[in-house]
């Protein structure tokens, strides 16, 4: 089992975070907001690593902004599990397949979403929502927007949000040395989309999540058909990203096989055809947006100008 308390100080910090989160959960926690404007499609959010569904200074603020800009549209920010602690832990220690299965069931039970919804994934929440689009076509997802999503995986983890230095270093060493060991794949979320370009076969055979949703093990036509049902698949890359390596993964690009320096053009990658992205590209369903700044560093003005119009589409 992975321990995140590598020192007395880090344990104290972690306990303080948990206590603070519990207080927030009773005062401000609300995974759903809005719902007074049935003329706009609902919006579903999925947070990234080290975050939770509804913290007021994070996704809670995004929820409020969307409700305001859609004049009362329904917004659901996904909470994994029954409380804030499980939701936070899910970003590190609950396998994505288990999370996606849980989310699909939750979305199917939400009557607000029955006629369709738009989805926004933050960081790793981007590829998780893409898995929802591929595996769970009901209720129908219309526009999928990924902010900093790692669609071709990562090959580096320089920082771990909300973890102290020693636990982050431990996770990085684990990924470097044993990412595809079954016990690591089961225990650590980031291992499931760790993509070693130097050992591609080891990645394809060992990855228990990303290789599947990218059709790298076998061609799953169900995934292709469902992804192509999207009206738009919008990928936002943070052009000065210091967390996602390589940052081009946010635009579904990756290193050319056998090295970790040169980025292969999107249209030359195997996944471009194997996942049906070539057809989506020709039909104008793929949208690539770039924004100056580090990982998830977007302003309110940029969000209103570039993202809100996508949420107002039918």
Protein backbone atom coordinates (compact mmCIF):
# COMPACT_ATOMS: atom_id res chain seq x y z
CA UNK A 1 0.00 0.00 0.00
CA UNK A 2 1.27 3.48 -0.87
CA UNK A 3 1.83 5.69 2.12
CA UNK A 4 1.46 9.42 1.63
CA UNK A 5 2.71 10.31 5.10
CA UNK A 6 6.48 10.14 4.67
CA UNK A 7 7.27 12.39 7.64
CA UNK A 8 5.61 13.74 10.73
CA UNK A 9 5.36 17.17 9.11
CA UNK A 10 3.71 15.87 5.95
CA UNK A 11 1.28 13.81 8.05
CA UNK A 12 0.29 16.91 10.00
CA UNK A 13 -0.22 18.88 6.78
CA UNK A 14 -2.33 16.10 5.33
CA UNK A 15 -4.49 15.85 8.47
CA UNK A 16 -4.99 19.60 8.47
CA UNK A 17 -6.09 19.40 4.83
CA UNK A 18 -8.59 16.67 5.68
CA UNK A 19 -10.01 18.62 8.62
CA UNK A 20 -10.26 21.76 6.49
CA UNK A 21 -11.97 19.80 3.72
CA UNK A 22 -14.47 18.29 6.14
CA UNK A 23 -15.37 21.76 7.41
CA UNK A 24 -15.85 22.95 3.83
CA UNK A 25 -17.99 19.93 3.04
CA UNK A 26 -20.50 20.90 5.68
CA UNK A 27 -20.50 24.63 4.95
CA UNK A 28 -20.19 25.05 1.18
CA UNK A 29 -20.19 21.60 -0.40
CA UNK A 30 -22.67 21.24 -3.22
CA UNK A 31 -21.94 18.98 -6.20
CA UNK A 32 -24.86 20.48 -8.16
CA UNK A 33 -25.91 24.07 -8.80
CA UNK A 34 -28.34 25.95 -10.99
CA UNK A 35 -31.12 24.15 -12.82
CA UNK A 36 -33.52 27.04 -13.30
CA UNK A 37 -32.85 27.46 -17.04
CA UNK A 38 -34.01 24.41 -19.03
CA UNK A 39 -33.17 26.14 -22.33
CA UNK A 40 -29.45 25.36 -22.04
CA UNK A 41 -27.82 21.95 -21.83
CA UNK A 42 -26.50 20.88 -18.42
CA UNK A 43 -22.76 20.85 -17.79
CA UNK A 44 -20.76 18.10 -16.07
CA UNK A 45 -17.31 18.79 -14.58
CA UNK A 46 -14.58 16.35 -13.52
CA UNK A 47 -11.72 17.68 -11.39
CA UNK A 48 -8.05 16.82 -11.69
CA UNK A 49 -5.39 15.26 -9.47
CA UNK A 50 -5.15 16.78 -6.01
CA UNK A 51 -8.49 18.58 -6.28
CA UNK A 52 -12.08 17.84 -5.32
CA UNK A 53 -15.46 18.50 -6.84
CA UNK A 54 -16.63 21.62 -5.11
CA UNK A 55 -14.02 23.64 -3.21
CA UNK A 56 -15.17 27.28 -3.43
CA UNK A 57 -11.80 28.61 -4.68
CA UNK A 58 -11.49 25.87 -7.34
CA UNK A 59 -14.27 24.03 -9.16
CA UNK A 60 -16.89 25.59 -6.90
CA UNK A 61 -16.00 28.95 -8.44
CA UNK A 62 -16.19 27.46 -11.95
CA UNK A 63 -19.64 26.08 -11.15
CA UNK A 64 -20.84 29.50 -10.03
CA UNK A 65 -19.40 31.13 -13.14
CA UNK A 66 -21.14 28.66 -15.45
CA UNK A 67 -24.48 29.09 -13.68
CA UNK A 68 -24.09 32.86 -13.99
CA UNK A 69 -23.10 32.80 -17.67
CA UNK A 70 -25.82 30.31 -18.65
CA UNK A 71 -28.43 32.22 -16.64
CA UNK A 72 -29.29 29.35 -14.34
CA UNK A 73 -28.06 26.31 -16.27
CA UNK A 74 -27.67 23.06 -14.36
CA UNK A 75 -24.09 22.17 -13.39
CA UNK A 76 -22.90 18.94 -11.81
CA UNK A 77 -19.34 18.62 -10.54
CA UNK A 78 -18.51 14.96 -10.14
CA UNK A 79 -17.77 13.74 -6.64
CA UNK A 80 -16.24 10.30 -6.51
CA UNK A 81 -17.52 8.40 -3.50
CA UNK A 82 -19.68 9.61 -0.68
CA UNK A 83 -17.53 12.36 0.80
CA UNK A 84 -14.74 14.86 0.19
CA UNK A 85 -12.01 12.57 1.51
CA UNK A 86 -12.78 9.76 -0.91
CA UNK A 87 -13.13 12.32 -3.70
CA UNK A 88 -9.64 13.71 -3.01
CA UNK A 89 -8.13 10.23 -2.69
CA UNK A 90 -9.70 9.21 -6.00
CA UNK A 91 -7.28 11.51 -7.81
CA UNK A 92 -4.39 9.31 -6.70
CA UNK A 93 -5.57 5.93 -5.49
CA UNK A 94 -8.85 4.78 -7.11
CA UNK A 95 -8.39 3.12 -10.50
CA UNK A 96 -9.86 5.16 -13.40
CA UNK A 97 -11.88 2.18 -14.64
CA UNK A 98 -13.63 2.01 -11.28
CA UNK A 99 -14.18 5.77 -11.29
CA UNK A 100 -15.56 5.81 -14.84
CA UNK A 101 -17.95 2.97 -14.03
CA UNK A 102 -19.15 4.85 -10.94
CA UNK A 103 -19.62 8.09 -12.90
CA UNK A 104 -21.53 6.40 -15.74
CA UNK A 105 -24.04 5.06 -13.23
CA UNK A 106 -24.37 8.44 -11.53
CA UNK A 107 -24.96 10.27 -14.81
CA UNK A 108 -27.57 7.75 -15.91
CA UNK A 109 -29.50 8.34 -12.69
CA UNK A 110 -29.45 12.14 -13.01
CA UNK A 111 -32.71 13.12 -14.75
CA UNK A 112 -31.33 16.57 -15.58
CA UNK A 113 -28.93 14.95 -18.05
CA UNK A 114 -31.39 12.71 -19.87
CA UNK A 115 -31.52 14.83 -23.03
CA UNK A 116 -27.78 15.42 -23.20
CA UNK A 117 -25.03 17.45 -21.56
CA UNK A 118 -21.73 19.19 -22.17
CA UNK A 119 -18.65 18.01 -20.26
CA UNK A 120 -15.50 19.76 -19.05
CA UNK A 121 -12.56 17.74 -17.76
CA UNK A 122 -9.76 19.40 -15.81
CA UNK A 123 -6.32 17.81 -16.25
CA UNK A 124 -6.68 14.01 -15.81
CA UNK A 125 -10.43 14.53 -15.57
CA UNK A 126 -10.22 15.21 -19.31
CA UNK A 127 -9.20 11.69 -20.32
CA UNK A 128 -11.56 10.25 -17.71
CA UNK A 129 -14.50 12.07 -19.32
CA UNK A 130 -13.33 10.91 -22.73
CA UNK A 131 -13.57 7.37 -21.37
CA UNK A 132 -17.14 8.17 -20.30
CA UNK A 133 -17.93 9.37 -23.84
CA UNK A 134 -16.49 6.17 -25.32
CA UNK A 135 -17.94 3.68 -22.87
CA UNK A 136 -21.25 5.23 -21.81
CA UNK A 137 -23.23 6.85 -24.64
CA UNK A 138 -26.30 7.36 -22.45
CA UNK A 139 -27.03 10.02 -21.45
CA UNK A 140 -25.50 11.60 -24.59
CA UNK A 141 -22.48 13.86 -24.25
CA UNK A 142 -22.59 16.76 -26.75
CA UNK A 143 -19.40 18.83 -26.43
CA UNK A 144 -16.38 17.41 -24.62
CA UNK A 145 -13.92 20.06 -23.44
CA UNK A 146 -10.64 18.98 -21.91
CA UNK A 147 -8.46 21.55 -20.13
CA UNK A 148 -4.94 20.18 -19.92
CA UNK A 149 -6.03 16.56 -20.41
CA UNK A 150 -3.30 13.99 -21.04
CA UNK A 151 -4.83 12.11 -23.97
CA UNK A 152 -1.60 10.38 -24.94
CA UNK A 153 -0.44 10.04 -21.37
CA UNK A 154 2.58 11.46 -19.56
CA UNK A 155 6.26 10.62 -19.25
CA UNK A 156 7.18 12.75 -16.26
CA UNK A 157 5.54 14.05 -13.08
CA UNK A 158 7.52 17.07 -11.86
CA UNK A 159 4.89 18.19 -9.34
CA UNK A 160 1.98 16.63 -7.44
CA UNK A 161 -0.74 19.12 -6.43
CA UNK A 162 -1.59 19.07 -2.69
CA UNK A 163 1.13 16.52 -1.86
CA UNK A 164 4.33 17.47 -0.09
CA UNK A 165 7.76 16.96 -1.68
CA UNK A 166 8.65 13.53 -0.25
CA UNK A 167 5.41 11.76 -1.20
CA UNK A 168 5.60 13.31 -4.67
CA UNK A 169 9.20 12.12 -5.09
CA UNK A 170 8.15 8.64 -4.01
CA UNK A 171 5.34 8.52 -6.58
CA UNK A 172 7.69 9.77 -9.31
CA UNK A 173 10.28 7.07 -8.51
CA UNK A 174 7.54 4.46 -8.51
CA UNK A 175 6.39 5.56 -11.96
CA UNK A 176 9.94 5.66 -13.30
CA UNK A 177 10.78 2.15 -12.11
CA UNK A 178 7.59 0.09 -11.86
CA UNK A 179 4.67 1.85 -13.56
CA UNK A 180 3.44 -1.29 -15.34
CA UNK A 181 3.71 -3.68 -12.41
CA UNK A 182 0.15 -4.96 -11.73
CA UNK A 183 0.19 -3.82 -8.11
CA UNK A 184 1.24 -0.28 -9.13
CA UNK A 185 -1.35 -0.11 -11.90
CA UNK A 186 -3.97 -1.09 -9.35
CA UNK A 187 -2.81 1.29 -6.62
CA UNK A 188 -1.77 4.48 -8.42
CA UNK A 189 -3.97 6.43 -10.85
CA UNK A 190 -1.08 8.14 -12.63
CA UNK A 191 0.47 4.77 -13.50
CA UNK A 192 -2.57 3.96 -15.64
CA UNK A 193 -1.73 6.74 -18.09
CA UNK A 194 2.06 6.61 -17.76
CA UNK A 195 3.20 6.25 -21.38
CA UNK A 196 6.82 5.18 -21.86
CA UNK A 197 7.69 6.04 -25.49
CA UNK A 198 10.96 4.10 -25.31
CA UNK A 199 9.22 0.86 -24.31
CA UNK A 200 5.95 1.08 -26.26
CA UNK A 201 5.15 -2.64 -26.11
CA UNK A 202 5.59 -2.67 -22.34
CA UNK A 203 3.26 0.32 -22.12
CA UNK A 204 0.57 -1.20 -24.34
CA UNK A 205 0.60 -4.51 -22.51
CA UNK A 206 0.94 -3.04 -19.03
CA UNK A 207 -1.38 -0.01 -19.16
CA UNK A 208 -4.75 -0.86 -17.64
CA UNK A 209 -6.53 2.31 -18.74
CA UNK A 210 -5.00 4.61 -21.37
CA UNK A 211 -4.00 1.89 -23.82
CA UNK A 212 -7.59 0.65 -23.77
CA UNK A 213 -9.38 3.96 -24.34
CA UNK A 214 -6.86 4.81 -27.10
CA UNK A 215 -7.56 1.52 -28.91
CA UNK A 216 -3.94 0.45 -28.63
CA UNK A 217 -4.64 -3.13 -27.56
CA UNK A 218 -7.33 -3.86 -30.14
CA UNK A 219 -9.73 -1.79 -32.19
CA UNK A 220 -12.93 -1.30 -30.19
CA UNK A 221 -15.46 -0.03 -32.74
CA UNK A 222 -17.90 0.77 -29.93
CA UNK A 223 -15.42 3.38 -28.63
CA UNK A 224 -15.01 4.89 -32.09
CA UNK A 225 -18.75 5.09 -32.75
CA UNK A 226 -19.46 6.69 -29.40
CA UNK A 227 -16.64 9.24 -29.60
CA UNK A 228 -17.79 10.27 -33.07
CA UNK A 229 -21.24 11.04 -31.66
CA UNK A 230 -19.74 14.14 -30.02
CA UNK A 231 -20.67 17.42 -31.64
CA UNK A 232 -17.27 18.83 -30.72
CA UNK A 233 -14.18 17.48 -28.98
CA UNK A 234 -12.32 20.55 -27.72
CA UNK A 235 -8.74 20.14 -26.46
CA UNK A 236 -7.09 23.02 -24.59
CA UNK A 237 -3.30 23.02 -24.27
CA UNK A 238 -1.47 25.18 -21.73
CA UNK A 239 1.47 26.42 -23.75
CA UNK A 240 3.78 27.00 -20.78
CA UNK A 241 2.80 23.87 -18.85
CA UNK A 242 5.37 22.66 -16.30
CA UNK A 243 3.31 19.75 -14.95
CA UNK A 244 2.21 17.73 -17.99
CA UNK A 245 5.13 16.14 -19.84
CA UNK A 246 4.95 16.36 -22.78
CA UNK A 247 2.48 19.24 -22.89
CA UNK A 248 1.57 18.23 -26.47
CA UNK A 249 -0.34 15.26 -25.02
CA UNK A 250 -3.07 17.82 -24.33
CA UNK A 251 -3.57 18.02 -28.12
CA UNK A 252 -3.39 14.22 -28.55
CA UNK A 253 0.26 14.35 -29.66
CA UNK A 254 3.18 12.40 -28.24
CA UNK A 255 6.81 11.47 -28.64
CA UNK A 256 7.84 9.53 -31.71
CA UNK A 257 8.38 5.90 -30.63
CA UNK A 258 11.83 5.05 -29.30
CA UNK A 259 12.82 8.42 -27.81
CA UNK A 260 11.47 11.23 -25.64
CA UNK A 261 12.51 14.41 -27.45
CA UNK A 262 10.76 14.70 -30.83
CA UNK A 263 6.97 15.10 -30.94
CA UNK A 264 5.20 13.15 -33.67
CA UNK A 265 2.64 15.13 -35.72
CA UNK A 266 -0.92 14.38 -34.66
CA UNK A 267 -2.02 13.15 -38.09
CA UNK A 268 0.88 10.68 -38.28
CA UNK A 269 0.13 8.94 -34.99
CA UNK A 270 -1.37 5.46 -34.91
CA UNK A 271 -4.19 6.54 -32.60
CA UNK A 272 -5.29 9.14 -35.17
CA UNK A 273 -6.79 6.36 -37.27
CA UNK A 274 -7.27 3.65 -34.65
CA UNK A 275 -9.62 5.83 -32.59
CA UNK A 276 -11.42 7.38 -35.55
CA UNK A 277 -9.97 10.83 -34.90
CA UNK A 278 -9.14 11.16 -38.59
CA UNK A 279 -12.83 11.19 -39.50
CA UNK A 280 -13.66 13.62 -36.68
CA UNK A 281 -10.83 15.87 -37.89
CA UNK A 282 -12.12 15.91 -41.47
CA UNK A 283 -15.65 16.69 -40.30
CA UNK A 284 -14.53 19.61 -38.14
CA UNK A 285 -15.42 17.98 -34.82
CA UNK A 286 -11.94 18.47 -33.33
CA UNK A 287 -11.09 21.89 -31.90
CA UNK A 288 -7.59 22.77 -30.66
CA UNK A 289 -7.19 25.77 -28.37
CA UNK A 290 -3.94 27.06 -26.90
CA UNK A 291 -3.61 29.37 -23.92
CA UNK A 292 -0.49 31.02 -22.54
CA UNK A 293 0.21 29.99 -18.97
CA UNK A 294 1.02 27.07 -16.72
CA UNK A 295 -1.19 24.08 -16.04
CA UNK A 296 -4.86 25.06 -15.58
CA UNK A 297 -3.89 28.74 -15.38
CA UNK A 298 -6.88 30.33 -17.08
CA UNK A 299 -8.51 33.65 -16.40
CA UNK A 300 -12.19 34.29 -15.93
CA UNK A 301 -12.20 36.43 -19.07
CA UNK A 302 -10.58 33.68 -21.17
CA UNK A 303 -13.09 31.11 -19.89
CA UNK A 304 -16.04 33.37 -20.71
CA UNK A 305 -14.70 34.18 -24.17
CA UNK A 306 -13.62 30.69 -25.23
CA UNK A 307 -15.53 28.10 -23.19
CA UNK A 308 -18.91 29.61 -22.37
CA UNK A 309 -20.01 29.85 -26.04
CA UNK A 310 -19.44 26.09 -26.34
CA UNK A 311 -21.71 25.54 -23.34
CA UNK A 312 -24.50 27.55 -24.93
CA UNK A 313 -24.61 25.30 -27.99
CA UNK A 314 -27.53 22.90 -28.26
